[in-house]
Amino acid sequence: MKLQVWDTAGQERFRSMAKSFYKNADGIFVCFSLTDKKSFENIESWLSQIKEEAGDDVTLLLVGNKADVVDKRMVTPEEIEKLKEKTKVMYFETSAKDGTNVEEAFEYIARIIKNKMNAARKQTVNDPRINLDDPKEKPSRGCLCKSE
């Protein structure tokens, strides 16, 4: 699996540019700072834009960063819990500074995406509309295309 990480810093000036990244994304981290109430308050707007651009099938992960700065925390666990319940998005609390839960967040989203891909592949293989035992549906000479 290949992960590409694009950091738009959540700033308004990146909103239009970020839309182009959503369209082909399988997973998106929606991050906010635990020490910045405004970044938390903007999360629902970002989630709405992402769902509009990327669709409902994209895997989302809510990430509260700066967990190491306990004395400057401005977002309460209760506020986060309410947001999780409202949005139904999984949440990780991280610290980019000391590495807390960063690897775990990436592993989690990668595992969810991989499971979705495997399920889609399995569904395609098990599609009842395709009967590989029927000679009419088997390709001749290893190709489904017509040659002229």
C-alpha atoms as a PDB file:
ATOM      1  CA  MET A   1       0.000   0.000   0.000  1.00  0.00           C
ATOM      2  CA  LYS A   2       1.259   3.448  -0.864  1.00  0.00           C
ATOM      3  CA  LEU A   3       0.302   6.395   1.318  1.00  0.00           C
ATOM      4  CA  GLN A   4       0.560   9.962   0.093  1.00  0.00           C
ATOM      5  CA  VAL A   5       0.312  12.613   2.779  1.00  0.00           C
ATOM      6  CA  TRP A   6      -0.786  16.118   1.839  1.00  0.00           C
ATOM      7  CA  ASP A   7      -0.800  18.706   4.606  1.00  0.00           C
ATOM      8  CA  THR A   8      -3.009  21.672   3.750  1.00  0.00           C
ATOM      9  CA  ALA A   9      -2.600  23.109   7.254  1.00  0.00           C
ATOM     10  CA  GLY A  10      -6.368  23.629   7.499  1.00  0.00           C
ATOM     11  CA  GLN A  11      -6.037  27.230   6.401  1.00  0.00           C
ATOM     12  CA  GLU A  12      -8.814  28.883   4.412  1.00  0.00           C
ATOM     13  CA  ARG A  13      -6.490  29.726   1.545  1.00  0.00           C
ATOM     14  CA  PHE A  14      -5.927  25.985   0.953  1.00  0.00           C
ATOM     15  CA  ARG A  15      -9.628  25.047   0.828  1.00  0.00           C
ATOM     16  CA  SER A  16      -9.995  25.275  -2.937  1.00  0.00           C
ATOM     17  CA  MET A  17      -6.738  23.421  -3.530  1.00  0.00           C
ATOM     18  CA  ALA A  18      -7.668  20.709  -1.030  1.00  0.00           C
ATOM     19  CA  LYS A  19     -10.790  19.827  -3.032  1.00  0.00           C
ATOM     20  CA  SER A  20      -8.681  18.332  -5.803  1.00  0.00           C
ATOM     21  CA  PHE A  21      -6.972  15.990  -3.320  1.00  0.00           C
ATOM     22  CA  TYR A  22     -10.267  14.703  -1.906  1.00  0.00           C
ATOM     23  CA  LYS A  23     -11.611  13.366  -5.195  1.00  0.00           C
ATOM     24  CA  ASN A  24      -9.196  10.433  -5.484  1.00  0.00           C
ATOM     25  CA  ALA A  25      -8.513   9.876  -1.810  1.00  0.00           C
ATOM     26  CA  ASP A  26      -9.291   6.579  -0.115  1.00  0.00           C
ATOM     27  CA  GLY A  27      -8.634   8.020   3.339  1.00  0.00           C
ATOM     28  CA  ILE A  28      -8.356  11.443   4.930  1.00  0.00           C
ATOM     29  CA  PHE A  29      -7.082  12.626   8.285  1.00  0.00           C
ATOM     30  CA  VAL A  30      -9.062  15.608   9.537  1.00  0.00           C
ATOM     31  CA  CYS A  31      -6.760  17.208  12.079  1.00  0.00           C
ATOM     32  CA  PHE A  32      -7.214  19.923  14.633  1.00  0.00           C
ATOM     33  CA  SER A  33      -5.097  21.310  17.423  1.00  0.00           C
ATOM     34  CA  LEU A  34      -6.146  20.477  20.959  1.00  0.00           C
ATOM     35  CA  THR A  35      -4.699  23.875  21.919  1.00  0.00           C
ATOM     36  CA  ASP A  36      -6.729  25.869  19.364  1.00  0.00           C
ATOM     37  CA  LYS A  37     -10.503  25.983  19.864  1.00  0.00           C
ATOM     38  CA  LYS A  38     -11.082  27.581  16.447  1.00  0.00           C
ATOM     39  CA  SER A  39      -9.384  24.712  14.610  1.00  0.00           C
ATOM     40  CA  PHE A  40     -11.737  22.316  16.432  1.00  0.00           C
ATOM     41  CA  GLU A  41     -14.772  24.450  15.618  1.00  0.00           C
ATOM     42  CA  ASN A  42     -13.897  24.282  11.899  1.00  0.00           C
ATOM     43  CA  ILE A  43     -13.907  20.467  11.817  1.00  0.00           C
ATOM     44  CA  GLU A  44     -17.582  20.069  10.896  1.00  0.00           C
ATOM     45  CA  SER A  45     -17.142  22.443   7.980  1.00  0.00           C
ATOM     46  CA  TRP A  46     -14.123  20.470   6.742  1.00  0.00           C
ATOM     47  CA  LEU A  47     -15.995  17.171   7.129  1.00  0.00           C
ATOM     48  CA  SER A  48     -18.924  18.544   5.167  1.00  0.00           C
ATOM     49  CA  GLN A  49     -16.678  19.724   2.339  1.00  0.00           C
ATOM     50  CA  ILE A  50     -14.827  16.410   2.254  1.00  0.00           C
ATOM     51  CA  LYS A  51     -18.033  14.376   2.045  1.00  0.00           C
ATOM     52  CA  GLU A  52     -19.292  16.652  -0.724  1.00  0.00           C
ATOM     53  CA  GLU A  53     -16.110  16.297  -2.762  1.00  0.00           C
ATOM     54  CA  ALA A  54     -14.936  12.771  -1.909  1.00  0.00           C
ATOM     55  CA  GLY A  55     -18.226  10.999  -1.289  1.00  0.00           C
ATOM     56  CA  ASP A  56     -19.388   8.817   1.552  1.00  0.00           C
ATOM     57  CA  ASP A  57     -17.023   5.935   0.840  1.00  0.00           C
ATOM     58  CA  VAL A  58     -13.855   7.792   1.839  1.00  0.00           C
ATOM     59  CA  THR A  59     -12.356   6.655   5.135  1.00  0.00           C
ATOM     60  CA  LEU A  60     -12.122   9.536   7.591  1.00  0.00           C
ATOM     61  CA  LEU A  61     -10.087   9.773  10.750  1.00  0.00           C
ATOM     62  CA  LEU A  62     -10.408  12.627  13.194  1.00  0.00           C
ATOM     63  CA  VAL A  63      -7.056  13.553  14.737  1.00  0.00           C
ATOM     64  CA  GLY A  64      -6.557  15.851  17.724  1.00  0.00           C
ATOM     65  CA  ASN A  65      -2.910  16.918  17.722  1.00  0.00           C
ATOM     66  CA  LYS A  66      -0.690  18.454  20.419  1.00  0.00           C
ATOM     67  CA  ALA A  67      -1.752  15.981  23.103  1.00  0.00           C
ATOM     68  CA  ASP A  68       1.629  16.666  24.725  1.00  0.00           C
ATOM     69  CA  VAL A  69       0.680  20.282  25.549  1.00  0.00           C
ATOM     70  CA  VAL A  70      -1.655  19.403  28.403  1.00  0.00           C
ATOM     71  CA  ASP A  71      -1.484  22.772  30.175  1.00  0.00           C
ATOM     72  CA  LYS A  72      -2.651  24.673  27.045  1.00  0.00           C
ATOM     73  CA  ARG A  73      -5.434  22.304  26.042  1.00  0.00           C
ATOM     74  CA  MET A  74      -8.567  24.168  24.949  1.00  0.00           C
ATOM     75  CA  VAL A  75     -10.697  21.300  23.599  1.00  0.00           C
ATOM     76  CA  THR A  76     -12.278  19.067  26.210  1.00  0.00           C
ATOM     77  CA  PRO A  77     -12.755  15.306  25.922  1.00  0.00           C
ATOM     78  CA  GLU A  78     -16.511  15.924  26.259  1.00  0.00           C
ATOM     79  CA  GLU A  79     -16.516  18.200  23.187  1.00  0.00           C
ATOM     80  CA  ILE A  80     -14.611  15.586  21.224  1.00  0.00           C
ATOM     81  CA  GLU A  81     -16.998  12.848  22.339  1.00  0.00           C
ATOM     82  CA  LYS A  82     -20.002  14.908  21.156  1.00  0.00           C
ATOM     83  CA  LEU A  83     -18.340  15.446  17.771  1.00  0.00           C
ATOM     84  CA  LYS A  84     -17.529  11.739  17.444  1.00  0.00           C
ATOM     85  CA  GLU A  85     -21.136  10.807  18.185  1.00  0.00           C
ATOM     86  CA  LYS A  86     -22.467  13.384  15.738  1.00  0.00           C
ATOM     87  CA  THR A  87     -20.104  12.568  12.860  1.00  0.00           C
ATOM     88  CA  LYS A  88     -19.507   8.827  13.458  1.00  0.00           C
ATOM     89  CA  VAL A  89     -15.808   9.355  12.729  1.00  0.00           C
ATOM     90  CA  MET A  90     -13.071   7.433  14.559  1.00  0.00           C
ATOM     91  CA  TYR A  91     -10.769   9.601  16.693  1.00  0.00           C
ATOM     92  CA  PHE A  92      -7.083   9.508  17.612  1.00  0.00           C
ATOM     93  CA  GLU A  93      -5.301  11.896  19.939  1.00  0.00           C
ATOM     94  CA  THR A  94      -1.714  12.456  18.836  1.00  0.00           C
ATOM     95  CA  SER A  95       1.431  14.432  19.412  1.00  0.00           C
ATOM     96  CA  ALA A  96       3.577  15.173  16.384  1.00  0.00           C
ATOM     97  CA  LYS A  97       6.236  16.436  18.779  1.00  0.00           C
ATOM     98  CA  ASP A  98       6.717  13.260  20.818  1.00  0.00           C
ATOM     99  CA  GLY A  99       5.162  10.790  18.341  1.00  0.00           C
ATOM    100  CA  THR A 100       2.271   9.664  20.542  1.00  0.00           C
ATOM    101  CA  ASN A 101      -0.261   7.675  18.467  1.00  0.00           C
ATOM    102  CA  VAL A 102       1.041   8.975  15.109  1.00  0.00           C
ATOM    103  CA  GLU A 103       2.084   5.571  13.831  1.00  0.00           C
ATOM    104  CA  GLU A 104      -1.065   4.001  15.270  1.00  0.00           C
ATOM    105  CA  ALA A 105      -3.275   6.504  13.405  1.00  0.00           C
ATOM    106  CA  PHE A 106      -1.555   5.766  10.093  1.00  0.00           C
ATOM    107  CA  GLU A 107      -1.731   2.017  10.679  1.00  0.00           C
ATOM    108  CA  TYR A 108      -5.411   2.256  11.593  1.00  0.00           C
ATOM    109  CA  ILE A 109      -6.442   4.165   8.460  1.00  0.00           C
ATOM    110  CA  ALA A 110      -4.279   1.953   6.230  1.00  0.00           C
ATOM    111  CA  ARG A 111      -5.856  -1.189   7.740  1.00  0.00           C
ATOM    112  CA  ILE A 112      -9.401   0.152   7.207  1.00  0.00           C
ATOM    113  CA  ILE A 113      -8.640   1.085   3.591  1.00  0.00           C
ATOM    114  CA  LYS A 114      -7.011  -2.295   2.939  1.00  0.00           C
ATOM    115  CA  ASN A 115     -10.015  -4.117   4.406  1.00  0.00           C
ATOM    116  CA  LYS A 116     -12.373  -2.094   2.183  1.00  0.00           C
ATOM    117  CA  MET A 117     -10.248  -2.867  -0.879  1.00  0.00           C
ATOM    118  CA  ASN A 118     -10.172  -6.586  -0.041  1.00  0.00           C
ATOM    119  CA  ALA A 119     -13.940  -6.618   0.506  1.00  0.00           C
ATOM    120  CA  ALA A 120     -14.503  -4.872  -2.850  1.00  0.00           C
ATOM    121  CA  ARG A 121     -12.179  -7.332  -4.580  1.00  0.00           C
ATOM    122  CA  LYS A 122     -13.925 -10.284  -2.951  1.00  0.00           C
ATOM    123  CA  GLN A 123     -17.328  -8.897  -3.966  1.00  0.00           C
ATOM    124  CA  THR A 124     -16.149  -8.605  -7.577  1.00  0.00           C
ATOM    125  CA  VAL A 125     -14.841 -12.176  -7.577  1.00  0.00           C
ATOM    126  CA  ASN A 126     -18.069 -13.463  -6.013  1.00  0.00           C
ATOM    127  CA  ASP A 127     -20.362 -11.397  -8.264  1.00  0.00           C
ATOM    128  CA  PRO A 128     -23.283 -13.740  -9.081  1.00  0.00           C
ATOM    129  CA  ARG A 129     -23.789 -11.987 -12.428  1.00  0.00           C
ATOM    130  CA  ILE A 130     -20.510 -13.471 -13.678  1.00  0.00           C
ATOM    131  CA  ASN A 131     -20.449 -17.208 -14.184  1.00  0.00           C
ATOM    132  CA  LEU A 132     -16.924 -18.293 -15.023  1.00  0.00           C
ATOM    133  CA  ASP A 133     -18.126 -21.861 -15.598  1.00  0.00           C
ATOM    134  CA  ASP A 134     -20.289 -20.715 -18.536  1.00  0.00           C
ATOM    135  CA  PRO A 135     -18.273 -21.082 -21.771  1.00  0.00           C
ATOM    136  CA  LYS A 136     -19.976 -17.986 -23.240  1.00  0.00           C
ATOM    137  CA  GLU A 137     -18.421 -15.858 -20.493  1.00  0.00           C
ATOM    138  CA  LYS A 138     -14.909 -17.279 -20.812  1.00  0.00           C
ATOM    139  CA  PRO A 139     -12.542 -15.270 -22.954  1.00  0.00           C
ATOM    140  CA  SER A 140     -11.165 -16.879 -26.075  1.00  0.00           C
ATOM    141  CA  ARG A 141      -7.402 -16.599 -26.605  1.00  0.00           C
ATOM    142  CA  GLY A 142      -7.149 -14.939 -23.180  1.00  0.00           C
ATOM    143  CA  CYS A 143      -8.860 -11.695 -24.213  1.00  0.00           C
ATOM    144  CA  LEU A 144     -12.341 -10.277 -23.943  1.00  0.00           C
ATOM    145  CA  CYS A 145     -11.737  -7.913 -26.882  1.00  0.00           C
ATOM    146  CA  LYS A 146     -12.699  -8.481 -30.486  1.00  0.00           C
ATOM    147  CA  SER A 147      -9.965  -8.478 -33.038  1.00  0.00           C
ATOM    148  CA  GLU A 148     -10.662  -7.429 -36.600  1.00  0.00           C
END
